[in-house]
């Protein structure tokens, strides 16, 4: 990745972005649920206020800088796209 990681706090928005991608053979959309403790995070991040929205006014965007490290604690396979 050579830029910021753009995320949203809104699960509905995340699902919309995941479903809008162009389907490619042998690829699936993945949504990550991040639990973030601002006292522990050591890389800069930004919360974009709703009045300065990105794609839509309800996006609730968060940007994480290059070098952010995440731990995957659990995986849930949502076969029915819910």
PDB file of N, CA and C in Angstrom:
ATOM      1  N   UNK A   1       0.852  -1.162   0.000  1.00  0.00           N
ATOM      2  CA  UNK A   1       0.000   0.000   0.000  1.00  0.00           C
ATOM      3  C   UNK A   1       0.903   1.231   0.000  1.00  0.00           C
ATOM      4  N   UNK A   2       0.593   2.183  -0.851  1.00  0.00           N
ATOM      5  CA  UNK A   2       1.438   3.364  -0.955  1.00  0.00           C
ATOM      6  C   UNK A   2       0.677   4.650  -0.672  1.00  0.00           C
ATOM      7  N   UNK A   3      -0.260   4.605   0.226  1.00  0.00           N
ATOM      8  CA  UNK A   3      -1.031   5.786   0.589  1.00  0.00           C
ATOM      9  C   UNK A   3      -1.742   5.538   1.903  1.00  0.00           C
ATOM     10  N   UNK A   4      -2.768   6.314   2.151  1.00  0.00           N
ATOM     11  CA  UNK A   4      -3.552   6.148   3.363  1.00  0.00           C
ATOM     12  C   UNK A   4      -4.553   5.010   3.203  1.00  0.00           C
ATOM     13  N   UNK A   5      -4.881   4.372   4.317  1.00  0.00           N
ATOM     14  CA  UNK A   5      -5.956   3.389   4.351  1.00  0.00           C
ATOM     15  C   UNK A   5      -7.222   4.145   4.719  1.00  0.00           C
ATOM     16  N   UNK A   6      -8.187   4.176   3.817  1.00  0.00           N
ATOM     17  CA  UNK A   6      -9.452   4.863   4.052  1.00  0.00           C
ATOM     18  C   UNK A   6     -10.457   3.860   4.592  1.00  0.00           C
ATOM     19  N   UNK A   7     -11.084   4.201   5.705  1.00  0.00           N
ATOM     20  CA  UNK A   7     -12.052   3.320   6.352  1.00  0.00           C
ATOM     21  C   UNK A   7     -13.297   4.116   6.707  1.00  0.00           C
ATOM     22  N   UNK A   8     -14.305   3.447   7.212  1.00  0.00           N
ATOM     23  CA  UNK A   8     -15.519   4.098   7.671  1.00  0.00           C
ATOM     24  C   UNK A   8     -15.955   3.477   8.994  1.00  0.00           C
ATOM     25  N   UNK A   9     -16.641   4.259   9.801  1.00  0.00           N
ATOM     26  CA  UNK A   9     -17.208   3.739  11.049  1.00  0.00           C
ATOM     27  C   UNK A   9     -18.572   3.096  10.811  1.00  0.00           C
ATOM     28  N   UNK A  10     -19.141   3.301   9.625  1.00  0.00           N
ATOM     29  CA  UNK A  10     -20.498   2.857   9.319  1.00  0.00           C
ATOM     30  C   UNK A  10     -20.462   1.522   8.566  1.00  0.00           C
ATOM     31  N   UNK A  11     -20.979   0.469   9.181  1.00  0.00           N
ATOM     32  CA  UNK A  11     -20.946  -0.862   8.567  1.00  0.00           C
ATOM     33  C   UNK A  11     -21.708  -0.900   7.246  1.00  0.00           C
ATOM     34  N   UNK A  12     -22.812  -0.172   7.147  1.00  0.00           N
ATOM     35  CA  UNK A  12     -23.586  -0.136   5.904  1.00  0.00           C
ATOM     36  C   UNK A  12     -22.766   0.462   4.771  1.00  0.00           C
ATOM     37  N   UNK A  13     -22.026   1.526   5.066  1.00  0.00           N
ATOM     38  CA  UNK A  13     -21.160   2.147   4.062  1.00  0.00           C
ATOM     39  C   UNK A  13     -20.065   1.169   3.651  1.00  0.00           C
ATOM     40  N   UNK A  14     -19.475   0.466   4.610  1.00  0.00           N
ATOM     41  CA  UNK A  14     -18.425  -0.513   4.300  1.00  0.00           C
ATOM     42  C   UNK A  14     -18.959  -1.601   3.375  1.00  0.00           C
ATOM     43  N   UNK A  15     -20.151  -2.098   3.656  1.00  0.00           N
ATOM     44  CA  UNK A  15     -20.748  -3.130   2.808  1.00  0.00           C
ATOM     45  C   UNK A  15     -21.031  -2.595   1.409  1.00  0.00           C
ATOM     46  N   UNK A  16     -21.450  -1.335   1.324  1.00  0.00           N
ATOM     47  CA  UNK A  16     -21.701  -0.736   0.008  1.00  0.00           C
ATOM     48  C   UNK A  16     -20.411  -0.668  -0.797  1.00  0.00           C
ATOM     49  N   UNK A  17     -19.327  -0.173  -0.181  1.00  0.00           N
ATOM     50  CA  UNK A  17     -18.043  -0.103  -0.879  1.00  0.00           C
ATOM     51  C   UNK A  17     -17.571  -1.499  -1.290  1.00  0.00           C
ATOM     52  N   UNK A  18     -17.737  -2.483  -0.417  1.00  0.00           N
ATOM     53  CA  UNK A  18     -17.285  -3.846  -0.720  1.00  0.00           C
ATOM     54  C   UNK A  18     -18.056  -4.441  -1.890  1.00  0.00           C
ATOM     55  N   UNK A  19     -19.338  -4.133  -1.988  1.00  0.00           N
ATOM     56  CA  UNK A  19     -20.149  -4.712  -3.063  1.00  0.00           C
ATOM     57  C   UNK A  19     -20.021  -3.957  -4.378  1.00  0.00           C
ATOM     58  N   UNK A  20     -19.487  -2.731  -4.364  1.00  0.00           N
ATOM     59  CA  UNK A  20     -19.375  -1.937  -5.590  1.00  0.00           C
ATOM     60  C   UNK A  20     -18.152  -2.285  -6.424  1.00  0.00           C
ATOM     61  N   UNK A  21     -17.231  -3.038  -5.869  1.00  0.00           N
ATOM     62  CA  UNK A  21     -16.019  -3.380  -6.615  1.00  0.00           C
ATOM     63  C   UNK A  21     -16.330  -4.218  -7.844  1.00  0.00           C
ATOM     64  N   UNK A  22     -15.464  -4.147  -8.825  1.00  0.00           N
ATOM     65  CA  UNK A  22     -15.632  -4.950 -10.030  1.00  0.00           C
ATOM     66  C   UNK A  22     -15.251  -6.389  -9.697  1.00  0.00           C
ATOM     67  N   UNK A  23     -16.195  -7.330  -9.854  1.00  0.00           N
ATOM     68  CA  UNK A  23     -15.878  -8.722  -9.523  1.00  0.00           C
ATOM     69  C   UNK A  23     -14.766  -9.262 -10.422  1.00  0.00           C
ATOM     70  N   UNK A  24     -13.836  -9.961  -9.814  1.00  0.00           N
ATOM     71  CA  UNK A  24     -12.738 -10.580 -10.549  1.00  0.00           C
ATOM     72  C   UNK A  24     -12.704 -12.054 -10.174  1.00  0.00           C
ATOM     73  N   UNK A  25     -12.282 -12.905 -11.111  1.00  0.00           N
ATOM     74  CA  UNK A  25     -12.226 -14.337 -10.797  1.00  0.00           C
ATOM     75  C   UNK A  25     -11.342 -14.603  -9.575  1.00  0.00           C
ATOM     76  N   UNK A  26     -11.801 -15.496  -8.725  1.00  0.00           N
ATOM     77  CA  UNK A  26     -11.038 -15.947  -7.553  1.00  0.00           C
ATOM     78  C   UNK A  26     -10.744 -14.838  -6.549  1.00  0.00           C
ATOM     79  N   UNK A  27     -11.551 -13.787  -6.518  1.00  0.00           N
ATOM     80  CA  UNK A  27     -11.383 -12.718  -5.526  1.00  0.00           C
ATOM     81  C   UNK A  27     -12.706 -12.483  -4.813  1.00  0.00           C
ATOM     82  N   UNK A  28     -12.618 -12.085  -3.550  1.00  0.00           N
ATOM     83  CA  UNK A  28     -13.803 -11.771  -2.764  1.00  0.00           C
ATOM     84  C   UNK A  28     -13.572 -10.451  -2.038  1.00  0.00           C
ATOM     85  N   UNK A  29     -14.659  -9.802  -1.668  1.00  0.00           N
ATOM     86  CA  UNK A  29     -14.575  -8.580  -0.867  1.00  0.00           C
ATOM     87  C   UNK A  29     -14.407  -8.974   0.596  1.00  0.00           C
ATOM     88  N   UNK A  30     -13.622  -8.192   1.322  1.00  0.00           N
ATOM     89  CA  UNK A  30     -13.376  -8.444   2.738  1.00  0.00           C
ATOM     90  C   UNK A  30     -13.638  -7.160   3.507  1.00  0.00           C
ATOM     91  N   UNK A  31     -14.355  -7.276   4.613  1.00  0.00           N
ATOM     92  CA  UNK A  31     -14.592  -6.139   5.503  1.00  0.00           C
ATOM     93  C   UNK A  31     -13.927  -6.454   6.838  1.00  0.00           C
ATOM     94  N   UNK A  32     -13.117  -5.529   7.317  1.00  0.00           N
ATOM     95  CA  UNK A  32     -12.451  -5.683   8.609  1.00  0.00           C
ATOM     96  C   UNK A  32     -13.160  -4.819   9.643  1.00  0.00           C
ATOM     97  N   UNK A  33     -13.387  -5.361  10.828  1.00  0.00           N
ATOM     98  CA  UNK A  33     -13.891  -4.587  11.953  1.00  0.00           C
ATOM     99  C   UNK A  33     -12.688  -4.282  12.833  1.00  0.00           C
ATOM    100  N   UNK A  34     -12.368  -3.005  12.981  1.00  0.00           N
ATOM    101  CA  UNK A  34     -11.187  -2.586  13.736  1.00  0.00           C
ATOM    102  C   UNK A  34     -11.599  -2.089  15.112  1.00  0.00           C
ATOM    103  N   UNK A  35     -10.930  -2.569  16.133  1.00  0.00           N
ATOM    104  CA  UNK A  35     -11.092  -2.042  17.488  1.00  0.00           C
ATOM    105  C   UNK A  35      -9.848  -1.227  17.786  1.00  0.00           C
ATOM    106  N   UNK A  36     -10.020   0.072  17.934  1.00  0.00           N
ATOM    107  CA  UNK A  36      -8.881   0.982  18.035  1.00  0.00           C
ATOM    108  C   UNK A  36      -8.897   1.692  19.379  1.00  0.00           C
ATOM    109  N   UNK A  37      -7.796   1.610  20.084  1.00  0.00           N
ATOM    110  CA  UNK A  37      -7.612   2.352  21.326  1.00  0.00           C
ATOM    111  C   UNK A  37      -6.678   3.516  21.015  1.00  0.00           C
ATOM    112  N   UNK A  38      -7.182   4.757  20.972  1.00  0.00           N
ATOM    113  CA  UNK A  38      -6.341   5.903  20.604  1.00  0.00           C
ATOM    114  C   UNK A  38      -5.155   6.116  21.538  1.00  0.00           C
ATOM    115  N   UNK A  39      -5.204   5.538  22.745  1.00  0.00           N
ATOM    116  CA  UNK A  39      -4.078   5.677  23.673  1.00  0.00           C
ATOM    117  C   UNK A  39      -2.927   4.751  23.296  1.00  0.00           C
ATOM    118  N   UNK A  40      -3.224   3.711  22.495  1.00  0.00           N
ATOM    119  CA  UNK A  40      -2.216   2.713  22.154  1.00  0.00           C
ATOM    120  C   UNK A  40      -1.658   2.916  20.751  1.00  0.00           C
ATOM    121  N   UNK A  41      -2.444   3.426  19.837  1.00  0.00           N
ATOM    122  CA  UNK A  41      -2.016   3.555  18.437  1.00  0.00           C
ATOM    123  C   UNK A  41      -0.774   4.445  18.340  1.00  0.00           C
ATOM    124  N   UNK A  42       0.223   3.994  17.565  1.00  0.00           N
ATOM    125  CA  UNK A  42       1.486   4.738  17.489  1.00  0.00           C
ATOM    126  C   UNK A  42       1.724   5.387  16.126  1.00  0.00           C
ATOM    127  N   UNK A  43       0.798   5.218  15.193  1.00  0.00           N
ATOM    128  CA  UNK A  43       0.895   5.871  13.883  1.00  0.00           C
ATOM    129  C   UNK A  43      -0.223   6.905  13.780  1.00  0.00           C
ATOM    130  N   UNK A  44       0.033   7.990  13.053  1.00  0.00           N
ATOM    131  CA  UNK A  44      -1.008   9.016  12.921  1.00  0.00           C
ATOM    132  C   UNK A  44      -2.248   8.490  12.193  1.00  0.00           C
ATOM    133  N   UNK A  45      -3.391   8.995  12.608  1.00  0.00           N
ATOM    134  CA  UNK A  45      -4.631   8.720  11.897  1.00  0.00           C
ATOM    135  C   UNK A  45      -5.501   9.963  11.981  1.00  0.00           C
ATOM    136  N   UNK A  46      -6.515  10.046  11.121  1.00  0.00           N
ATOM    137  CA  UNK A  46      -7.381  11.223  11.093  1.00  0.00           C
ATOM    138  C   UNK A  46      -8.831  10.785  10.993  1.00  0.00           C
ATOM    139  N   UNK A  47      -9.673  11.442  11.760  1.00  0.00           N
ATOM    140  CA  UNK A  47     -11.113  11.239  11.656  1.00  0.00           C
ATOM    141  C   UNK A  47     -11.671  12.421  10.879  1.00  0.00           C
ATOM    142  N   UNK A  48     -12.309  12.151   9.747  1.00  0.00           N
ATOM    143  CA  UNK A  48     -12.828  13.205   8.881  1.00  0.00           C
ATOM    144  C   UNK A  48     -14.228  13.574   9.372  1.00  0.00           C
ATOM    145  N   UNK A  49     -14.429  14.830   9.798  1.00  0.00           N
ATOM    146  CA  UNK A  49     -15.747  15.245  10.299  1.00  0.00           C
ATOM    147  C   UNK A  49     -16.821  15.112   9.222  1.00  0.00           C
ATOM    148  N   UNK A  50     -18.059  14.887   9.653  1.00  0.00           N
ATOM    149  CA  UNK A  50     -19.165  14.719   8.710  1.00  0.00           C
ATOM    150  C   UNK A  50     -19.356  15.933   7.816  1.00  0.00           C
ATOM    151  N   UNK A  51     -19.015  17.137   8.296  1.00  0.00           N
ATOM    152  CA  UNK A  51     -19.200  18.324   7.458  1.00  0.00           C
ATOM    153  C   UNK A  51     -18.115  18.448   6.396  1.00  0.00           C
ATOM    154  N   UNK A  52     -17.088  17.625   6.455  1.00  0.00           N
ATOM    155  CA  UNK A  52     -16.037  17.601   5.428  1.00  0.00           C
ATOM    156  C   UNK A  52     -15.950  16.178   4.879  1.00  0.00           C
ATOM    157  N   UNK A  53     -17.084  15.706   4.431  1.00  0.00           N
ATOM    158  CA  UNK A  53     -17.212  14.304   4.051  1.00  0.00           C
ATOM    159  C   UNK A  53     -16.446  13.950   2.786  1.00  0.00           C
ATOM    160  N   UNK A  54     -16.230  12.635   2.657  1.00  0.00           N
ATOM    161  CA  UNK A  54     -15.555  12.112   1.473  1.00  0.00           C
ATOM    162  C   UNK A  54     -16.563  11.823   0.381  1.00  0.00           C
ATOM    163  N   UNK A  55     -16.892  10.563   0.198  1.00  0.00           N
ATOM    164  CA  UNK A  55     -17.785  10.150  -0.872  1.00  0.00           C
ATOM    165  C   UNK A  55     -19.219  10.573  -0.585  1.00  0.00           C
ATOM    166  N   UNK A  56     -19.643  10.523   0.651  1.00  0.00           N
ATOM    167  CA  UNK A  56     -21.004  10.889   1.007  1.00  0.00           C
ATOM    168  C   UNK A  56     -21.045  11.475   2.400  1.00  0.00           C
ATOM    169  N   UNK A  57     -22.116  12.177   2.726  1.00  0.00           N
ATOM    170  CA  UNK A  57     -22.176  12.861   4.016  1.00  0.00           C
ATOM    171  C   UNK A  57     -22.244  11.929   5.209  1.00  0.00           C
ATOM    172  N   UNK A  58     -22.534  10.664   4.996  1.00  0.00           N
ATOM    173  CA  UNK A  58     -22.657   9.736   6.115  1.00  0.00           C
ATOM    174  C   UNK A  58     -21.525   8.713   6.141  1.00  0.00           C
ATOM    175  N   UNK A  59     -20.431   9.022   5.465  1.00  0.00           N
ATOM    176  CA  UNK A  59     -19.344   8.055   5.353  1.00  0.00           C
ATOM    177  C   UNK A  59     -18.610   7.841   6.674  1.00  0.00           C
ATOM    178  N   UNK A  60     -18.479   8.862   7.514  1.00  0.00           N
ATOM    179  CA  UNK A  60     -17.746   8.774   8.785  1.00  0.00           C
ATOM    180  C   UNK A  60     -16.356   8.179   8.560  1.00  0.00           C
ATOM    181  N   UNK A  61     -15.578   8.842   7.720  1.00  0.00           N
ATOM    182  CA  UNK A  61     -14.298   8.319   7.262  1.00  0.00           C
ATOM    183  C   UNK A  61     -13.193   8.466   8.301  1.00  0.00           C
ATOM    184  N   UNK A  62     -12.357   7.431   8.384  1.00  0.00           N
ATOM    185  CA  UNK A  62     -11.121   7.442   9.161  1.00  0.00           C
ATOM    186  C   UNK A  62      -9.989   7.125   8.200  1.00  0.00           C
ATOM    187  N   UNK A  63      -8.878   7.850   8.319  1.00  0.00           N
ATOM    188  CA  UNK A  63      -7.694   7.598   7.498  1.00  0.00           C
ATOM    189  C   UNK A  63      -6.558   7.142   8.394  1.00  0.00           C
ATOM    190  N   UNK A  64      -5.901   6.056   8.007  1.00  0.00           N
ATOM    191  CA  UNK A  64      -4.747   5.550   8.744  1.00  0.00           C
ATOM    192  C   UNK A  64      -3.511   5.677   7.875  1.00  0.00           C
ATOM    193  N   UNK A  65      -2.403   6.038   8.487  1.00  0.00           N
ATOM    194  CA  UNK A  65      -1.169   6.263   7.735  1.00  0.00           C
ATOM    195  C   UNK A  65      -0.466   4.952   7.399  1.00  0.00           C
ATOM    196  N   UNK A  66       0.470   5.059   6.472  1.00  0.00           N
ATOM    197  CA  UNK A  66       1.299   3.926   6.084  1.00  0.00           C
ATOM    198  C   UNK A  66       2.029   3.413   7.324  1.00  0.00           C
ATOM    199  N   UNK A  67       2.155   2.124   7.438  1.00  0.00           N
ATOM    200  CA  UNK A  67       2.886   1.535   8.557  1.00  0.00           C
ATOM    201  C   UNK A  67       2.002   1.112   9.711  1.00  0.00           C
ATOM    202  N   UNK A  68       0.700   1.387   9.624  1.00  0.00           N
ATOM    203  CA  UNK A  68      -0.205   0.910  10.672  1.00  0.00           C
ATOM    204  C   UNK A  68      -0.229  -0.613  10.635  1.00  0.00           C
ATOM    205  N   UNK A  69      -0.200  -1.225  11.806  1.00  0.00           N
ATOM    206  CA  UNK A  69      -0.167  -2.684  11.904  1.00  0.00           C
ATOM    207  C   UNK A  69      -1.441  -3.151  12.599  1.00  0.00           C
ATOM    208  N   UNK A  70      -2.040  -4.207  12.052  1.00  0.00           N
ATOM    209  CA  UNK A  70      -3.288  -4.728  12.591  1.00  0.00           C
ATOM    210  C   UNK A  70      -3.121  -6.198  12.925  1.00  0.00           C
ATOM    211  N   UNK A  71      -3.844  -6.645  13.938  1.00  0.00           N
ATOM    212  CA  UNK A  71      -3.855  -8.058  14.331  1.00  0.00           C
ATOM    213  C   UNK A  71      -5.254  -8.602  14.039  1.00  0.00           C
ATOM    214  N   UNK A  72      -5.325  -9.731  13.350  1.00  0.00           N
ATOM    215  CA  UNK A  72      -6.607 -10.377  13.071  1.00  0.00           C
ATOM    216  C   UNK A  72      -6.881 -11.357  14.202  1.00  0.00           C
ATOM    217  N   UNK A  73      -7.971 -11.105  14.945  1.00  0.00           N
ATOM    218  CA  UNK A  73      -8.333 -11.948  16.084  1.00  0.00           C
ATOM    219  C   UNK A  73      -9.388 -12.984  15.744  1.00  0.00           C
ATOM    220  N   UNK A  74     -10.184 -12.724  14.707  1.00  0.00           N
ATOM    221  CA  UNK A  74     -11.308 -13.597  14.401  1.00  0.00           C
ATOM    222  C   UNK A  74     -11.685 -13.416  12.938  1.00  0.00           C
ATOM    223  N   UNK A  75     -12.195 -14.475  12.323  1.00  0.00           N
ATOM    224  CA  UNK A  75     -12.678 -14.420  10.944  1.00  0.00           C
ATOM    225  C   UNK A  75     -14.077 -15.013  10.913  1.00  0.00           C
ATOM    226  N   UNK A  76     -15.010 -14.289  10.299  1.00  0.00           N
ATOM    227  CA  UNK A  76     -16.380 -14.769  10.139  1.00  0.00           C
ATOM    228  C   UNK A  76     -16.684 -14.770   8.647  1.00  0.00           C
ATOM    229  N   UNK A  77     -17.093 -15.912   8.111  1.00  0.00           N
ATOM    230  CA  UNK A  77     -17.437 -16.046   6.699  1.00  0.00           C
ATOM    231  C   UNK A  77     -18.925 -15.757   6.544  1.00  0.00           C
ATOM    232  N   UNK A  78     -19.243 -14.674   5.867  1.00  0.00           N
ATOM    233  CA  UNK A  78     -20.636 -14.280   5.658  1.00  0.00           C
ATOM    234  C   UNK A  78     -21.059 -14.691   4.253  1.00  0.00           C
ATOM    235  N   UNK A  79     -21.465 -15.912   4.097  1.00  0.00           N
ATOM    236  CA  UNK A  79     -21.824 -16.443   2.782  1.00  0.00           C
ATOM    237  C   UNK A  79     -23.017 -15.733   2.158  1.00  0.00           C
ATOM    238  N   UNK A  80     -23.940 -15.249   2.984  1.00  0.00           N
ATOM    239  CA  UNK A  80     -25.148 -14.622   2.437  1.00  0.00           C
ATOM    240  C   UNK A  80     -24.988 -13.117   2.243  1.00  0.00           C
ATOM    241  N   UNK A  81     -23.757 -12.598   2.325  1.00  0.00           N
ATOM    242  CA  UNK A  81     -23.451 -11.177   2.111  1.00  0.00           C
ATOM    243  C   UNK A  81     -24.166 -10.252   3.080  1.00  0.00           C
ATOM    244  N   UNK A  82     -24.387 -10.688   4.314  1.00  0.00           N
ATOM    245  CA  UNK A  82     -25.041  -9.829   5.299  1.00  0.00           C
ATOM    246  C   UNK A  82     -24.027  -9.153   6.180  1.00  0.00           C
TER     247      UNK A  82
END
